[in-house]
Amino acid sequence: MRKMSYSWSVSSERQSFEEAKLSVDRAVRMYNEARPHQALGGKTPMQVLISEHVNLLLGWKADWPQVAPQLSRRMNAQQKAKFARVNRKSS
């Protein structure tokens, strides 16, 4: 959970239980379905488990800074290129 809270935007603002649950659910989904994992060769856990799974970020490459701002800032050009290359088959 610590790694996820640094990688994805889990709001630290005061929230109702339902808002907090939605925020955490969204972060877990992005972590498993969109975030490329170095240990998995730049693929997401869902892409490893289900070969035809399409990464959520592929359709939004131009919007990465808005969709996943912290991840976008942390990925350098080489990492972004590798991610796009690894996921090209799925797009």
Protein backbone atom coordinates (compact mmCIF):
# COMPACT_ATOMS: atom_id res chain seq x y z
CA MET A 1 0.00 0.00 0.00
CA ARG A 2 2.86 2.39 0.73
CA LYS A 3 4.25 2.08 -2.79
CA MET A 4 0.78 2.58 -4.23
CA SER A 5 0.16 5.73 -2.21
CA TYR A 6 3.40 7.22 -3.55
CA SER A 7 2.67 6.20 -7.14
CA TRP A 8 -1.03 7.01 -7.43
CA SER A 9 -3.12 9.85 -6.28
CA VAL A 10 -4.84 8.67 -3.12
CA SER A 11 -6.33 11.84 -1.73
CA SER A 12 -5.12 12.93 1.68
CA GLU A 13 -8.04 15.34 2.06
CA ARG A 14 -10.81 14.59 4.52
CA GLN A 15 -13.29 12.27 2.83
CA SER A 16 -16.41 10.35 3.69
CA PHE A 17 -16.06 6.58 3.95
CA GLU A 18 -17.59 6.13 0.47
CA GLU A 19 -15.26 8.74 -1.07
CA ALA A 20 -12.24 7.13 0.58
CA LYS A 21 -13.32 3.68 -0.61
CA LEU A 22 -13.68 4.98 -4.18
CA SER A 23 -10.27 6.65 -4.00
CA VAL A 24 -8.56 3.46 -2.79
CA ASP A 25 -10.45 1.27 -5.29
CA ARG A 26 -9.34 3.56 -8.13
CA ALA A 27 -5.72 3.49 -6.93
CA VAL A 28 -5.72 -0.32 -6.70
CA ARG A 29 -7.20 -0.61 -10.19
CA MET A 30 -4.64 1.77 -11.68
CA TYR A 31 -1.80 -0.03 -9.87
CA ASN A 32 -2.87 -3.43 -11.24
CA GLU A 33 -4.20 -2.44 -14.66
CA ALA A 34 -2.23 0.62 -15.74
CA ARG A 35 1.06 0.94 -13.87
CA PRO A 36 3.94 -0.75 -15.70
CA HIS A 37 6.01 -2.92 -13.36
CA GLN A 38 9.75 -3.18 -13.98
CA ALA A 39 9.83 -6.73 -12.57
CA LEU A 40 7.22 -7.74 -15.17
CA GLY A 41 9.18 -6.33 -18.12
CA GLY A 42 7.16 -3.13 -18.34
CA LYS A 43 3.80 -4.92 -18.30
CA THR A 44 1.00 -4.60 -15.79
CA PRO A 45 -0.01 -7.49 -13.53
CA MET A 46 -3.25 -7.83 -15.51
CA GLN A 47 -1.32 -8.08 -18.79
CA VAL A 48 0.72 -10.91 -17.31
CA LEU A 49 -2.35 -12.73 -16.00
CA ILE A 50 -4.58 -12.09 -19.03
CA SER A 51 -2.53 -11.80 -22.23
CA GLU A 52 -5.23 -9.91 -24.17
CA HIS A 53 -5.73 -7.31 -21.41
CA VAL A 54 -5.19 -3.77 -22.70
CA ASN A 55 -3.38 -1.32 -20.43
CA LEU A 56 -5.65 1.54 -19.31
CA LEU A 57 -2.98 4.14 -20.11
CA LEU A 58 -2.39 3.10 -23.72
CA GLY A 59 -5.29 5.08 -25.13
CA TRP A 60 -4.39 8.13 -23.08
CA LYS A 61 -0.65 8.52 -23.72
CA ALA A 62 -1.00 12.26 -24.37
CA ASP A 63 -3.04 12.53 -21.18
CA TRP A 64 -0.63 10.64 -18.90
CA PRO A 65 0.21 13.78 -16.90
CA GLN A 66 -3.49 14.18 -16.03
CA VAL A 67 -4.32 10.46 -15.64
CA ALA A 68 -1.28 9.48 -13.59
CA PRO A 69 0.72 12.63 -12.81
CA GLN A 70 3.18 11.12 -10.34
CA LEU A 71 3.94 8.15 -12.57
CA SER A 72 4.32 10.37 -15.62
CA ARG A 73 6.80 12.63 -13.82
CA ARG A 74 8.84 9.68 -12.57
CA MET A 75 9.16 7.92 -15.94
CA ASN A 76 12.03 9.15 -18.09
CA ALA A 77 11.91 9.14 -21.91
CA GLN A 78 13.62 5.74 -22.14
CA GLN A 79 11.11 4.16 -19.71
CA LYS A 80 8.16 5.68 -21.59
CA ALA A 81 9.54 4.39 -24.91
CA LYS A 82 10.05 0.89 -23.47
CA PHE A 83 6.54 0.91 -22.01
CA ALA A 84 5.07 1.93 -25.39
CA ARG A 85 7.16 -0.73 -27.20
CA VAL A 86 6.21 -3.53 -24.79
CA ASN A 87 2.54 -2.60 -25.04
CA ARG A 88 2.43 -1.85 -28.78
CA LYS A 89 1.00 -5.29 -29.57
CA SER A 90 -2.01 -4.62 -27.35
CA SER A 91 -2.89 -1.21 -28.80
